[in-house]
Amino acid sequence: MSETIRIATIADAEAVTALTRSAYAKWVPLIGREPMPMKADHAAHIRDHRADLLFTGEQMAALVETIQHSDHLLIENVAVAPAFQGRGHGKRMVAHAEQIAVAFGLGVVRLYTNAKFEENLLLYASLDYRIEREEMMGASVIIHMVKEVM
């Protein structure tokens, strides 16, 4: 089945929201609340920043939402639809974000995740992201990670 990546448009906002909510639902029992991406205004993100969508055939399988800063690219959200998890799509979308950073002339990519999301921490470490700092956010610990890409 063919795979394509394209930039999201405002017409994709509802599908981006649905995919993100389904992808993050598994974390609700672990942290006792909806993770931030489940509550985010994805239409505003698409309008104000950038979201790239991975399609497998006609189905949206994964996405990455990024924010360009003057000195780095921030990965705001990586989400893979539950039916497509475990196939490397998350890694592919992180690599895609790194390519975007390089294209923009940015040598650093940053991201963050909840300290309880051990699966994510292992994934990002395997992709050569290192922990930059930890931050308390309410009752949660947020792990900020960074990678140089140039």
N, C-alpha and C. Protein backbone atom coordinates (compact mmCIF):
# COMPACT_ATOMS: atom_id res chain seq x y z
N MET A 1 0.84 -1.18 0.00
CA MET A 1 0.00 0.00 0.00
C MET A 1 0.89 1.24 0.00
N SER A 2 0.52 2.23 -0.78
CA SER A 2 1.35 3.42 -0.90
C SER A 2 1.23 4.31 0.33
N GLU A 3 2.33 4.97 0.65
CA GLU A 3 2.36 5.92 1.76
C GLU A 3 2.76 7.28 1.24
N THR A 4 2.06 8.31 1.70
CA THR A 4 2.38 9.68 1.31
C THR A 4 2.30 10.58 2.54
N ILE A 5 3.09 11.64 2.51
CA ILE A 5 3.04 12.66 3.56
C ILE A 5 2.69 13.97 2.88
N ARG A 6 1.76 14.69 3.49
CA ARG A 6 1.41 16.02 2.98
C ARG A 6 1.13 16.95 4.14
N ILE A 7 1.22 18.25 3.87
CA ILE A 7 0.92 19.25 4.89
C ILE A 7 -0.60 19.33 5.08
N ALA A 8 -1.01 19.41 6.32
CA ALA A 8 -2.44 19.50 6.65
C ALA A 8 -3.00 20.85 6.23
N THR A 9 -4.28 20.83 5.91
CA THR A 9 -5.04 22.07 5.68
C THR A 9 -6.12 22.14 6.75
N ILE A 10 -6.75 23.28 6.83
CA ILE A 10 -7.80 23.46 7.84
C ILE A 10 -8.92 22.42 7.67
N ALA A 11 -9.11 21.94 6.46
CA ALA A 11 -10.13 20.90 6.21
C ALA A 11 -9.79 19.59 6.91
N ASP A 12 -8.53 19.42 7.31
CA ASP A 12 -8.09 18.20 7.99
C ASP A 12 -8.24 18.27 9.50
N ALA A 13 -8.61 19.43 10.04
CA ALA A 13 -8.58 19.64 11.50
C ALA A 13 -9.40 18.60 12.27
N GLU A 14 -10.58 18.28 11.80
CA GLU A 14 -11.41 17.31 12.51
C GLU A 14 -10.76 15.93 12.53
N ALA A 15 -10.18 15.52 11.41
CA ALA A 15 -9.51 14.22 11.33
C ALA A 15 -8.25 14.21 12.20
N VAL A 16 -7.52 15.32 12.25
CA VAL A 16 -6.32 15.43 13.09
C VAL A 16 -6.72 15.29 14.56
N THR A 17 -7.80 15.96 14.94
CA THR A 17 -8.29 15.88 16.32
C THR A 17 -8.69 14.44 16.65
N ALA A 18 -9.42 13.79 15.76
CA ALA A 18 -9.88 12.42 16.00
C ALA A 18 -8.69 11.46 16.11
N LEU A 19 -7.73 11.57 15.21
CA LEU A 19 -6.57 10.68 15.26
C LEU A 19 -5.80 10.91 16.56
N THR A 20 -5.57 12.16 16.93
CA THR A 20 -4.83 12.46 18.15
C THR A 20 -5.55 11.91 19.38
N ARG A 21 -6.85 12.13 19.45
CA ARG A 21 -7.61 11.63 20.61
C ARG A 21 -7.51 10.11 20.71
N SER A 22 -7.63 9.42 19.59
CA SER A 22 -7.57 7.96 19.63
C SER A 22 -6.15 7.48 19.97
N ALA A 23 -5.13 8.16 19.48
CA ALA A 23 -3.75 7.76 19.73
C ALA A 23 -3.37 7.94 21.19
N TYR A 24 -3.86 8.99 21.82
CA TYR A 24 -3.49 9.30 23.21
C TYR A 24 -4.42 8.67 24.24
N ALA A 25 -5.52 8.07 23.82
CA ALA A 25 -6.49 7.51 24.76
C ALA A 25 -5.86 6.47 25.69
N LYS A 26 -4.87 5.74 25.20
CA LYS A 26 -4.23 4.70 26.01
C LYS A 26 -3.52 5.26 27.24
N TRP A 27 -3.19 6.55 27.23
CA TRP A 27 -2.47 7.15 28.35
C TRP A 27 -3.39 7.65 29.46
N VAL A 28 -4.67 7.79 29.18
CA VAL A 28 -5.60 8.33 30.18
C VAL A 28 -5.57 7.52 31.49
N PRO A 29 -5.68 6.18 31.45
CA PRO A 29 -5.64 5.44 32.71
C PRO A 29 -4.31 5.59 33.47
N LEU A 30 -3.22 5.78 32.73
CA LEU A 30 -1.90 5.89 33.36
C LEU A 30 -1.74 7.19 34.15
N ILE A 31 -2.26 8.30 33.58
CA ILE A 31 -2.05 9.60 34.24
C ILE A 31 -3.33 10.16 34.88
N GLY A 32 -4.45 9.49 34.66
CA GLY A 32 -5.69 9.89 35.32
C GLY A 32 -6.36 11.12 34.73
N ARG A 33 -5.98 11.48 33.53
CA ARG A 33 -6.58 12.63 32.84
C ARG A 33 -6.25 12.52 31.36
N GLU A 34 -6.88 13.37 30.56
CA GLU A 34 -6.54 13.40 29.14
C GLU A 34 -5.21 14.14 28.97
N PRO A 35 -4.27 13.56 28.23
CA PRO A 35 -3.03 14.27 27.92
C PRO A 35 -3.33 15.55 27.13
N MET A 36 -2.44 16.51 27.23
CA MET A 36 -2.65 17.82 26.59
C MET A 36 -3.03 17.74 25.11
N PRO A 37 -2.39 16.88 24.31
CA PRO A 37 -2.77 16.84 22.89
C PRO A 37 -4.23 16.48 22.64
N MET A 38 -4.85 15.76 23.58
CA MET A 38 -6.25 15.40 23.41
C MET A 38 -7.16 16.62 23.54
N LYS A 39 -6.69 17.64 24.24
CA LYS A 39 -7.49 18.85 24.47
C LYS A 39 -7.08 20.01 23.57
N ALA A 40 -6.05 19.83 22.77
CA ALA A 40 -5.51 20.92 21.96
C ALA A 40 -6.47 21.35 20.86
N ASP A 41 -6.32 22.58 20.45
CA ASP A 41 -7.08 23.14 19.33
C ASP A 41 -6.26 22.88 18.06
N HIS A 42 -6.51 21.76 17.43
CA HIS A 42 -5.71 21.37 16.27
C HIS A 42 -5.99 22.26 15.06
N ALA A 43 -7.18 22.79 14.95
CA ALA A 43 -7.47 23.74 13.86
C ALA A 43 -6.59 24.97 14.00
N ALA A 44 -6.45 25.48 15.21
CA ALA A 44 -5.60 26.65 15.44
C ALA A 44 -4.14 26.31 15.12
N HIS A 45 -3.71 25.10 15.50
CA HIS A 45 -2.33 24.71 15.20
C HIS A 45 -2.10 24.67 13.69
N ILE A 46 -3.01 24.05 12.97
CA ILE A 46 -2.89 23.97 11.51
C ILE A 46 -2.85 25.37 10.91
N ARG A 47 -3.67 26.26 11.42
CA ARG A 47 -3.73 27.63 10.92
C ARG A 47 -2.44 28.41 11.23
N ASP A 48 -1.91 28.24 12.44
CA ASP A 48 -0.82 29.08 12.92
C ASP A 48 0.57 28.47 12.77
N HIS A 49 0.65 27.15 12.61
CA HIS A 49 1.95 26.49 12.58
C HIS A 49 1.98 25.49 11.42
N ARG A 50 2.34 24.27 11.69
CA ARG A 50 2.41 23.27 10.63
C ARG A 50 2.08 21.89 11.19
N ALA A 51 1.35 21.14 10.41
CA ALA A 51 1.06 19.74 10.71
C ALA A 51 1.27 18.95 9.42
N ASP A 52 1.97 17.84 9.52
CA ASP A 52 2.19 16.97 8.37
C ASP A 52 1.51 15.64 8.65
N LEU A 53 0.85 15.12 7.63
CA LEU A 53 0.02 13.93 7.76
C LEU A 53 0.57 12.79 6.93
N LEU A 54 0.64 11.61 7.52
CA LEU A 54 1.06 10.40 6.81
C LEU A 54 -0.18 9.59 6.46
N PHE A 55 -0.34 9.31 5.18
CA PHE A 55 -1.45 8.49 4.72
C PHE A 55 -0.91 7.15 4.23
N THR A 56 -1.59 6.09 4.62
CA THR A 56 -1.35 4.76 4.07
C THR A 56 -2.57 4.48 3.21
N GLY A 57 -2.37 4.50 1.92
CA GLY A 57 -3.51 4.46 1.01
C GLY A 57 -4.34 5.71 1.25
N GLU A 58 -5.61 5.54 1.54
CA GLU A 58 -6.51 6.67 1.78
C GLU A 58 -6.65 7.00 3.26
N GLN A 59 -6.07 6.17 4.13
CA GLN A 59 -6.25 6.35 5.57
C GLN A 59 -5.14 7.18 6.20
N MET A 60 -5.53 8.15 7.05
CA MET A 60 -4.55 8.91 7.81
C MET A 60 -4.01 7.99 8.90
N ALA A 61 -2.72 7.72 8.85
CA ALA A 61 -2.10 6.78 9.78
C ALA A 61 -1.37 7.48 10.92
N ALA A 62 -0.78 8.65 10.64
CA ALA A 62 0.04 9.32 11.63
C ALA A 62 0.17 10.80 11.29
N LEU A 63 0.66 11.55 12.26
CA LEU A 63 0.87 12.98 12.03
C LEU A 63 1.96 13.50 12.95
N VAL A 64 2.50 14.64 12.56
CA VAL A 64 3.43 15.38 13.41
C VAL A 64 3.07 16.86 13.29
N GLU A 65 2.91 17.50 14.45
CA GLU A 65 2.64 18.93 14.51
C GLU A 65 3.91 19.61 15.00
N THR A 66 4.36 20.64 14.28
CA THR A 66 5.60 21.31 14.61
C THR A 66 5.40 22.82 14.72
N ILE A 67 6.30 23.44 15.46
CA ILE A 67 6.32 24.90 15.60
C ILE A 67 7.74 25.36 15.32
N GLN A 68 7.88 26.26 14.36
CA GLN A 68 9.20 26.79 14.00
C GLN A 68 9.54 27.96 14.92
N HIS A 69 10.69 27.86 15.58
CA HIS A 69 11.24 28.95 16.39
C HIS A 69 12.49 29.46 15.68
N SER A 70 13.04 30.56 16.16
CA SER A 70 14.21 31.13 15.48
C SER A 70 15.43 30.23 15.54
N ASP A 71 15.55 29.42 16.59
CA ASP A 71 16.75 28.60 16.76
C ASP A 71 16.48 27.10 16.83
N HIS A 72 15.24 26.68 16.72
CA HIS A 72 14.92 25.26 16.75
C HIS A 72 13.53 24.99 16.20
N LEU A 73 13.27 23.72 15.94
CA LEU A 73 11.93 23.27 15.57
C LEU A 73 11.40 22.46 16.75
N LEU A 74 10.21 22.80 17.20
CA LEU A 74 9.58 22.08 18.30
C LEU A 74 8.57 21.09 17.72
N ILE A 75 8.73 19.82 18.10
CA ILE A 75 7.71 18.82 17.79
C ILE A 75 6.68 18.93 18.90
N GLU A 76 5.53 19.44 18.56
CA GLU A 76 4.45 19.66 19.52
C GLU A 76 3.65 18.39 19.76
N ASN A 77 3.52 17.57 18.72
CA ASN A 77 2.67 16.38 18.82
C ASN A 77 3.08 15.39 17.74
N VAL A 78 3.26 14.15 18.15
CA VAL A 78 3.39 13.02 17.23
C VAL A 78 2.29 12.05 17.62
N ALA A 79 1.48 11.66 16.67
CA ALA A 79 0.39 10.74 16.97
C ALA A 79 0.27 9.71 15.85
N VAL A 80 0.04 8.46 16.26
CA VAL A 80 -0.16 7.37 15.30
C VAL A 80 -1.50 6.73 15.64
N ALA A 81 -2.34 6.58 14.64
CA ALA A 81 -3.64 5.94 14.84
C ALA A 81 -3.42 4.54 15.42
N PRO A 82 -4.24 4.13 16.39
CA PRO A 82 -4.05 2.82 17.02
C PRO A 82 -3.90 1.66 16.03
N ALA A 83 -4.66 1.66 14.97
CA ALA A 83 -4.60 0.57 13.99
C ALA A 83 -3.26 0.51 13.26
N PHE A 84 -2.49 1.61 13.32
CA PHE A 84 -1.22 1.69 12.60
C PHE A 84 -0.01 1.70 13.53
N GLN A 85 -0.23 1.59 14.84
CA GLN A 85 0.88 1.62 15.79
C GLN A 85 1.73 0.36 15.66
N GLY A 86 3.01 0.50 16.00
CA GLY A 86 3.92 -0.63 15.95
C GLY A 86 4.50 -0.90 14.58
N ARG A 87 4.31 0.01 13.64
CA ARG A 87 4.81 -0.19 12.27
C ARG A 87 5.91 0.81 11.90
N GLY A 88 6.39 1.59 12.86
CA GLY A 88 7.45 2.54 12.57
C GLY A 88 6.98 3.90 12.09
N HIS A 89 5.67 4.13 12.11
CA HIS A 89 5.16 5.42 11.62
C HIS A 89 5.55 6.58 12.54
N GLY A 90 5.60 6.34 13.83
CA GLY A 90 6.03 7.40 14.75
C GLY A 90 7.46 7.82 14.46
N LYS A 91 8.35 6.85 14.28
CA LYS A 91 9.74 7.15 13.93
C LYS A 91 9.81 7.90 12.61
N ARG A 92 8.99 7.48 11.67
CA ARG A 92 9.00 8.14 10.36
C ARG A 92 8.59 9.61 10.48
N MET A 93 7.59 9.88 11.32
CA MET A 93 7.14 11.27 11.46
C MET A 93 8.15 12.13 12.21
N VAL A 94 8.85 11.54 13.18
CA VAL A 94 9.92 12.28 13.86
C VAL A 94 11.03 12.59 12.86
N ALA A 95 11.41 11.61 12.05
CA ALA A 95 12.44 11.83 11.02
C ALA A 95 11.99 12.90 10.03
N HIS A 96 10.71 12.90 9.70
CA HIS A 96 10.17 13.91 8.79
C HIS A 96 10.31 15.31 9.41
N ALA A 97 10.01 15.43 10.69
CA ALA A 97 10.17 16.72 11.38
C ALA A 97 11.63 17.15 11.37
N GLU A 98 12.53 16.21 11.55
CA GLU A 98 13.95 16.54 11.50
C GLU A 98 14.34 17.06 10.12
N GLN A 99 13.78 16.48 9.07
CA GLN A 99 14.04 16.96 7.70
C GLN A 99 13.50 18.37 7.51
N ILE A 100 12.35 18.66 8.11
CA ILE A 100 11.78 20.01 8.04
C ILE A 100 12.73 21.00 8.70
N ALA A 101 13.25 20.63 9.87
CA ALA A 101 14.19 21.50 10.59
C ALA A 101 15.40 21.82 9.72
N VAL A 102 15.98 20.80 9.11
CA VAL A 102 17.14 20.99 8.25
C VAL A 102 16.79 21.90 7.08
N ALA A 103 15.63 21.67 6.47
CA ALA A 103 15.20 22.50 5.34
C ALA A 103 15.04 23.96 5.74
N PHE A 104 14.64 24.21 6.98
CA PHE A 104 14.50 25.58 7.48
C PHE A 104 15.82 26.16 7.98
N GLY A 105 16.89 25.37 7.91
CA GLY A 105 18.18 25.84 8.39
C GLY A 105 18.31 25.82 9.90
N LEU A 106 17.50 24.99 10.55
CA LEU A 106 17.53 24.88 12.01
C LEU A 106 18.28 23.60 12.39
N GLY A 107 19.25 23.73 13.27
CA GLY A 107 20.08 22.59 13.62
C GLY A 107 19.63 21.83 14.85
N VAL A 108 18.50 22.25 15.43
CA VAL A 108 18.05 21.64 16.68
C VAL A 108 16.56 21.32 16.59
N VAL A 109 16.20 20.13 17.06
CA VAL A 109 14.80 19.74 17.21
C VAL A 109 14.56 19.47 18.69
N ARG A 110 13.47 20.01 19.19
CA ARG A 110 13.08 19.78 20.58
C ARG A 110 11.71 19.12 20.60
N LEU A 111 11.46 18.37 21.67
CA LEU A 111 10.15 17.77 21.91
C LEU A 111 10.01 17.57 23.40
N TYR A 112 8.81 17.19 23.81
CA TYR A 112 8.59 16.91 25.23
C TYR A 112 7.54 15.83 25.36
N THR A 113 7.59 15.13 26.50
CA THR A 113 6.62 14.08 26.76
C THR A 113 6.47 13.92 28.27
N ASN A 114 5.39 13.31 28.67
CA ASN A 114 5.15 13.03 30.08
C ASN A 114 6.15 11.98 30.57
N ALA A 115 6.70 12.18 31.76
CA ALA A 115 7.68 11.24 32.32
C ALA A 115 7.11 9.83 32.46
N LYS A 116 5.80 9.70 32.59
CA LYS A 116 5.18 8.38 32.74
C LYS A 116 5.03 7.64 31.41
N PHE A 117 5.26 8.33 30.30
CA PHE A 117 5.13 7.71 28.99
C PHE A 117 6.47 7.05 28.62
N GLU A 118 6.82 5.99 29.36
CA GLU A 118 8.12 5.34 29.19
C GLU A 118 8.36 4.86 27.76
N GLU A 119 7.33 4.39 27.11
CA GLU A 119 7.42 3.94 25.72
C GLU A 119 7.94 5.08 24.83
N ASN A 120 7.42 6.29 25.05
CA ASN A 120 7.87 7.45 24.28
C ASN A 120 9.32 7.80 24.60
N LEU A 121 9.66 7.79 25.88
CA LEU A 121 11.03 8.12 26.28
C LEU A 121 12.03 7.15 25.64
N LEU A 122 11.70 5.87 25.62
CA LEU A 122 12.58 4.89 24.99
C LEU A 122 12.68 5.12 23.49
N LEU A 123 11.57 5.43 22.86
CA LEU A 123 11.57 5.70 21.42
C LEU A 123 12.48 6.89 21.11
N TYR A 124 12.27 7.99 21.81
CA TYR A 124 13.06 9.19 21.52
C TYR A 124 14.53 8.98 21.82
N ALA A 125 14.86 8.27 22.89
CA ALA A 125 16.26 7.96 23.19
C ALA A 125 16.87 7.12 22.07
N SER A 126 16.09 6.19 21.52
CA SER A 126 16.60 5.35 20.43
C SER A 126 16.85 6.16 19.16
N LEU A 127 16.23 7.33 19.08
CA LEU A 127 16.41 8.23 17.92
C LEU A 127 17.43 9.32 18.22
N ASP A 128 18.21 9.12 19.30
CA ASP A 128 19.30 10.01 19.70
C ASP A 128 18.85 11.34 20.30
N TYR A 129 17.64 11.39 20.84
CA TYR A 129 17.23 12.57 21.62
C TYR A 129 17.77 12.40 23.03
N ARG A 130 18.22 13.48 23.62
CA ARG A 130 18.72 13.43 24.99
C ARG A 130 17.85 14.34 25.86
N ILE A 131 17.79 13.98 27.12
CA ILE A 131 17.00 14.77 28.06
C ILE A 131 17.70 16.10 28.30
N GLU A 132 16.97 17.16 28.10
CA GLU A 132 17.49 18.52 28.30
C GLU A 132 17.14 19.04 29.69
N ARG A 133 15.88 18.77 30.10
CA ARG A 133 15.44 19.22 31.42
C ARG A 133 14.11 18.56 31.76
N GLU A 134 13.76 18.63 33.04
CA GLU A 134 12.47 18.16 33.52
C GLU A 134 11.72 19.36 34.07
N GLU A 135 10.40 19.33 33.95
CA GLU A 135 9.56 20.45 34.38
C GLU A 135 8.30 19.90 35.05
N MET A 136 7.96 20.46 36.19
CA MET A 136 6.69 20.11 36.84
C MET A 136 5.57 20.88 36.14
N MET A 137 4.51 20.17 35.77
CA MET A 137 3.34 20.80 35.19
C MET A 137 2.13 20.19 35.90
N GLY A 138 1.61 20.93 36.88
CA GLY A 138 0.56 20.37 37.72
C GLY A 138 1.13 19.19 38.49
N ALA A 139 0.46 18.05 38.38
CA ALA A 139 0.93 16.85 39.07
C ALA A 139 1.86 16.00 38.20
N SER A 140 2.15 16.48 36.98
CA SER A 140 2.95 15.70 36.04
C SER A 140 4.37 16.24 35.93
N VAL A 141 5.28 15.34 35.57
CA VAL A 141 6.64 15.73 35.23
C VAL A 141 6.76 15.64 33.71
N ILE A 142 7.17 16.75 33.09
CA ILE A 142 7.35 16.80 31.65
C ILE A 142 8.84 16.70 31.36
N ILE A 143 9.20 15.80 30.46
CA ILE A 143 10.60 15.60 30.07
C ILE A 143 10.81 16.31 28.73
N HIS A 144 11.70 17.30 28.73
CA HIS A 144 12.06 18.02 27.51
C HIS A 144 13.30 17.37 26.93
N MET A 145 13.26 17.07 25.63
CA MET A 145 14.35 16.38 24.96
C MET A 145 14.82 17.18 23.76
N VAL A 146 16.05 16.95 23.35
CA VAL A 146 16.65 17.74 22.27
C VAL A 146 17.56 16.86 21.43
N LYS A 147 17.67 17.24 20.15
CA LYS A 147 18.58 16.55 19.22
C LYS A 147 19.13 17.57 18.24
N GLU A 148 20.42 17.50 18.00
CA GLU A 148 21.03 18.32 16.94
C GLU A 148 20.92 17.55 15.64
N VAL A 149 20.51 18.24 14.58
CA VAL A 149 20.21 17.53 13.33
C VAL A 149 21.04 17.97 12.15
N MET A 150 21.90 18.95 12.28
CA MET A 150 22.68 19.37 11.11
C MET A 150 24.03 18.72 11.09
